[in-house]
Amino acid sequence: MNTLVLEVPDDVIVALKLGRITLEDLREKAKLSLALELFNNGTLSLEQAAKLAGMPIEDFMDELRRRRIPITDYSGDELEEVVGNA
């Protein structure tokens, strides 16, 4: 496993503390945001993005639904085939 270091300016730390957001909260939100973005742009698979977010796939899928991010990206023909097979 690799580590990514994120530098957070002091004034941001002060703002976080005022908003009662801990560095752990920030870390979790940053991981989730990065995982959502990398999944949404097709860089990571569903499984990879869930791992990056530190979540079970089902929870990550729930988060995708809440944010209205498509879980699948079918072309028109693929969608017709999937619907036709349902």
N, C-alpha and C. Protein backbone atom coordinates (compact mmCIF):
# COMPACT_ATOMS: atom_id res chain seq x y z
N MET A 1 0.85 -1.17 0.00
CA MET A 1 0.00 0.00 0.00
C MET A 1 0.90 1.24 0.00
N ASN A 2 0.50 2.25 -0.74
CA ASN A 2 1.22 3.51 -0.80
C ASN A 2 0.48 4.58 -0.02
N THR A 3 1.21 5.63 0.32
CA THR A 3 0.63 6.74 1.06
C THR A 3 0.70 8.00 0.22
N LEU A 4 -0.36 8.75 0.21
CA LEU A 4 -0.43 10.04 -0.47
C LEU A 4 -0.49 11.11 0.60
N VAL A 5 0.41 12.08 0.51
CA VAL A 5 0.45 13.14 1.51
C VAL A 5 -0.27 14.36 0.94
N LEU A 6 -1.15 14.91 1.74
CA LEU A 6 -1.89 16.11 1.36
C LEU A 6 -1.53 17.22 2.33
N GLU A 7 -0.97 18.29 1.81
CA GLU A 7 -0.62 19.42 2.66
C GLU A 7 -1.85 20.30 2.85
N VAL A 8 -2.16 20.60 4.10
CA VAL A 8 -3.33 21.41 4.44
C VAL A 8 -2.82 22.69 5.11
N PRO A 9 -3.10 23.84 4.49
CA PRO A 9 -2.65 25.11 5.08
C PRO A 9 -3.22 25.33 6.47
N ASP A 10 -2.47 26.06 7.29
CA ASP A 10 -2.87 26.32 8.67
C ASP A 10 -4.25 26.98 8.77
N ASP A 11 -4.54 27.93 7.86
CA ASP A 11 -5.84 28.61 7.96
C ASP A 11 -6.99 27.65 7.65
N VAL A 12 -6.73 26.65 6.83
CA VAL A 12 -7.76 25.65 6.55
C VAL A 12 -7.97 24.77 7.79
N ILE A 13 -6.88 24.44 8.47
CA ILE A 13 -6.99 23.66 9.71
C ILE A 13 -7.83 24.41 10.73
N VAL A 14 -7.59 25.72 10.86
CA VAL A 14 -8.38 26.54 11.79
C VAL A 14 -9.85 26.51 11.40
N ALA A 15 -10.15 26.67 10.10
CA ALA A 15 -11.54 26.64 9.64
C ALA A 15 -12.18 25.29 9.91
N LEU A 16 -11.43 24.22 9.72
CA LEU A 16 -11.95 22.88 9.98
C LEU A 16 -12.30 22.72 11.46
N LYS A 17 -11.41 23.19 12.32
CA LYS A 17 -11.67 23.08 13.76
C LYS A 17 -12.90 23.89 14.17
N LEU A 18 -13.06 25.06 13.56
CA LEU A 18 -14.24 25.87 13.86
C LEU A 18 -15.52 25.16 13.42
N GLY A 19 -15.41 24.42 12.32
CA GLY A 19 -16.55 23.65 11.83
C GLY A 19 -16.65 22.27 12.46
N ARG A 20 -15.79 22.03 13.45
CA ARG A 20 -15.76 20.76 14.17
C ARG A 20 -15.49 19.57 13.24
N ILE A 21 -14.67 19.81 12.24
CA ILE A 21 -14.26 18.73 11.34
C ILE A 21 -12.85 18.33 11.72
N THR A 22 -12.67 17.06 12.03
CA THR A 22 -11.35 16.57 12.41
C THR A 22 -10.53 16.25 11.18
N LEU A 23 -9.24 16.10 11.38
CA LEU A 23 -8.38 15.69 10.26
C LEU A 23 -8.77 14.31 9.76
N GLU A 24 -9.24 13.47 10.65
CA GLU A 24 -9.71 12.13 10.24
C GLU A 24 -10.94 12.26 9.33
N ASP A 25 -11.87 13.16 9.70
CA ASP A 25 -13.04 13.41 8.83
C ASP A 25 -12.58 13.88 7.46
N LEU A 26 -11.63 14.81 7.46
CA LEU A 26 -11.12 15.34 6.20
C LEU A 26 -10.47 14.25 5.36
N ARG A 27 -9.71 13.38 6.01
CA ARG A 27 -9.06 12.28 5.30
C ARG A 27 -10.10 11.37 4.65
N GLU A 28 -11.14 11.02 5.40
CA GLU A 28 -12.19 10.14 4.87
C GLU A 28 -12.94 10.82 3.72
N LYS A 29 -13.26 12.09 3.88
CA LYS A 29 -13.96 12.82 2.81
C LYS A 29 -13.10 12.94 1.57
N ALA A 30 -11.80 13.16 1.75
CA ALA A 30 -10.89 13.28 0.61
C ALA A 30 -10.78 11.95 -0.12
N LYS A 31 -10.67 10.85 0.62
CA LYS A 31 -10.61 9.53 -0.01
C LYS A 31 -11.87 9.23 -0.80
N LEU A 32 -13.02 9.53 -0.19
CA LEU A 32 -14.29 9.29 -0.86
C LEU A 32 -14.43 10.15 -2.12
N SER A 33 -14.10 11.42 -2.00
CA SER A 33 -14.21 12.33 -3.15
C SER A 33 -13.30 11.88 -4.30
N LEU A 34 -12.09 11.50 -3.97
CA LEU A 34 -11.16 11.03 -4.99
C LEU A 34 -11.67 9.74 -5.64
N ALA A 35 -12.16 8.82 -4.82
CA ALA A 35 -12.68 7.56 -5.35
C ALA A 35 -13.88 7.80 -6.26
N LEU A 36 -14.78 8.69 -5.86
CA LEU A 36 -15.96 8.99 -6.69
C LEU A 36 -15.55 9.60 -8.02
N GLU A 37 -14.62 10.54 -7.98
CA GLU A 37 -14.17 11.18 -9.21
C GLU A 37 -13.47 10.19 -10.14
N LEU A 38 -12.58 9.38 -9.60
CA LEU A 38 -11.85 8.42 -10.43
C LEU A 38 -12.76 7.33 -10.98
N PHE A 39 -13.80 6.96 -10.23
CA PHE A 39 -14.78 6.02 -10.76
C PHE A 39 -15.61 6.69 -11.86
N ASN A 40 -16.07 7.90 -11.58
CA ASN A 40 -16.95 8.61 -12.51
C ASN A 40 -16.27 8.88 -13.85
N ASN A 41 -14.96 9.15 -13.82
CA ASN A 41 -14.28 9.42 -15.10
C ASN A 41 -13.71 8.15 -15.74
N GLY A 42 -13.98 6.99 -15.15
CA GLY A 42 -13.60 5.73 -15.77
C GLY A 42 -12.19 5.27 -15.47
N THR A 43 -11.49 5.96 -14.58
CA THR A 43 -10.12 5.58 -14.25
C THR A 43 -10.09 4.33 -13.39
N LEU A 44 -11.02 4.23 -12.45
CA LEU A 44 -11.07 3.07 -11.55
C LEU A 44 -12.35 2.28 -11.75
N SER A 45 -12.25 0.98 -11.54
CA SER A 45 -13.44 0.13 -11.55
C SER A 45 -14.22 0.37 -10.26
N LEU A 46 -15.41 -0.18 -10.21
CA LEU A 46 -16.24 -0.07 -9.01
C LEU A 46 -15.51 -0.65 -7.81
N GLU A 47 -14.93 -1.81 -7.97
CA GLU A 47 -14.22 -2.47 -6.87
C GLU A 47 -13.01 -1.65 -6.42
N GLN A 48 -12.24 -1.14 -7.37
CA GLN A 48 -11.06 -0.34 -7.03
C GLN A 48 -11.46 0.94 -6.30
N ALA A 49 -12.50 1.60 -6.79
CA ALA A 49 -12.94 2.85 -6.18
C ALA A 49 -13.45 2.61 -4.76
N ALA A 50 -14.19 1.53 -4.56
CA ALA A 50 -14.67 1.20 -3.22
C ALA A 50 -13.50 0.95 -2.28
N LYS A 51 -12.48 0.24 -2.75
CA LYS A 51 -11.29 0.00 -1.93
C LYS A 51 -10.61 1.31 -1.57
N LEU A 52 -10.45 2.20 -2.54
CA LEU A 52 -9.82 3.49 -2.28
C LEU A 52 -10.61 4.28 -1.25
N ALA A 53 -11.92 4.23 -1.35
CA ALA A 53 -12.78 4.93 -0.39
C ALA A 53 -12.80 4.26 0.97
N GLY A 54 -12.31 3.02 1.03
CA GLY A 54 -12.32 2.28 2.30
C GLY A 54 -13.71 1.81 2.68
N MET A 55 -14.51 1.47 1.66
CA MET A 55 -15.90 1.10 1.90
C MET A 55 -16.22 -0.24 1.24
N PRO A 56 -17.18 -0.98 1.81
CA PRO A 56 -17.70 -2.14 1.08
C PRO A 56 -18.34 -1.66 -0.23
N ILE A 57 -18.32 -2.50 -1.24
CA ILE A 57 -18.87 -2.12 -2.55
C ILE A 57 -20.32 -1.66 -2.42
N GLU A 58 -21.11 -2.34 -1.60
CA GLU A 58 -22.52 -1.99 -1.47
C GLU A 58 -22.69 -0.56 -0.95
N ASP A 59 -21.86 -0.19 0.03
CA ASP A 59 -21.94 1.17 0.57
C ASP A 59 -21.48 2.20 -0.46
N PHE A 60 -20.45 1.84 -1.23
CA PHE A 60 -19.97 2.75 -2.27
C PHE A 60 -21.04 2.93 -3.34
N MET A 61 -21.72 1.84 -3.69
CA MET A 61 -22.81 1.92 -4.67
C MET A 61 -23.94 2.80 -4.14
N ASP A 62 -24.24 2.70 -2.85
CA ASP A 62 -25.26 3.57 -2.25
C ASP A 62 -24.86 5.03 -2.36
N GLU A 63 -23.57 5.30 -2.14
CA GLU A 63 -23.07 6.68 -2.25
C GLU A 63 -23.18 7.17 -3.69
N LEU A 64 -22.88 6.32 -4.64
CA LEU A 64 -23.03 6.68 -6.06
C LEU A 64 -24.48 7.03 -6.37
N ARG A 65 -25.40 6.22 -5.86
CA ARG A 65 -26.83 6.48 -6.09
C ARG A 65 -27.25 7.81 -5.48
N ARG A 66 -26.81 8.07 -4.23
CA ARG A 66 -27.15 9.32 -3.56
C ARG A 66 -26.67 10.53 -4.36
N ARG A 67 -25.52 10.38 -4.99
CA ARG A 67 -24.94 11.49 -5.75
C ARG A 67 -25.34 11.46 -7.23
N ARG A 68 -26.20 10.50 -7.56
CA ARG A 68 -26.70 10.34 -8.93
C ARG A 68 -25.57 10.16 -9.95
N ILE A 69 -24.57 9.37 -9.55
CA ILE A 69 -23.48 8.99 -10.44
C ILE A 69 -23.82 7.61 -10.97
N PRO A 70 -23.91 7.47 -12.30
CA PRO A 70 -24.27 6.16 -12.87
C PRO A 70 -23.27 5.07 -12.47
N ILE A 71 -23.81 3.93 -12.11
CA ILE A 71 -22.96 2.81 -11.74
C ILE A 71 -22.46 2.10 -12.99
N THR A 72 -23.27 2.12 -14.02
CA THR A 72 -22.85 1.53 -15.30
C THR A 72 -22.93 2.60 -16.38
N ASP A 73 -22.14 2.40 -17.40
CA ASP A 73 -22.10 3.36 -18.50
C ASP A 73 -22.24 2.58 -19.80
N TYR A 74 -23.48 2.24 -20.12
CA TYR A 74 -23.75 1.46 -21.32
C TYR A 74 -23.93 2.37 -22.53
N SER A 75 -23.46 1.87 -23.67
CA SER A 75 -23.78 2.56 -24.92
C SER A 75 -25.25 2.25 -25.25
N GLY A 76 -25.80 2.92 -26.23
CA GLY A 76 -27.19 2.69 -26.62
C GLY A 76 -27.46 1.23 -26.96
N ASP A 77 -26.59 0.63 -27.77
CA ASP A 77 -26.76 -0.78 -28.16
C ASP A 77 -26.64 -1.70 -26.95
N GLU A 78 -25.66 -1.44 -26.09
CA GLU A 78 -25.48 -2.27 -24.91
C GLU A 78 -26.70 -2.17 -23.99
N LEU A 79 -27.24 -0.97 -23.83
CA LEU A 79 -28.40 -0.78 -22.98
C LEU A 79 -29.61 -1.53 -23.54
N GLU A 80 -29.81 -1.46 -24.85
CA GLU A 80 -30.91 -2.21 -25.47
C GLU A 80 -30.75 -3.70 -25.23
N GLU A 81 -29.52 -4.20 -25.32
CA GLU A 81 -29.27 -5.62 -25.11
C GLU A 81 -29.57 -6.01 -23.66
N VAL A 82 -29.12 -5.20 -22.70
CA VAL A 82 -29.36 -5.48 -21.29
C VAL A 82 -30.85 -5.46 -21.00
N VAL A 83 -31.56 -4.44 -21.49
CA VAL A 83 -33.00 -4.34 -21.27
C VAL A 83 -33.72 -5.49 -21.95
N GLY A 84 -33.27 -5.84 -23.14
CA GLY A 84 -33.89 -6.95 -23.87
C GLY A 84 -33.72 -8.27 -23.17
N ASN A 85 -32.61 -8.44 -22.45
CA ASN A 85 -32.35 -9.69 -21.74
C ASN A 85 -33.02 -9.73 -20.37
N ALA A 86 -33.56 -8.62 -19.93
CA ALA A 86 -34.15 -8.57 -18.58
C ALA A 86 -35.49 -9.27 -18.54
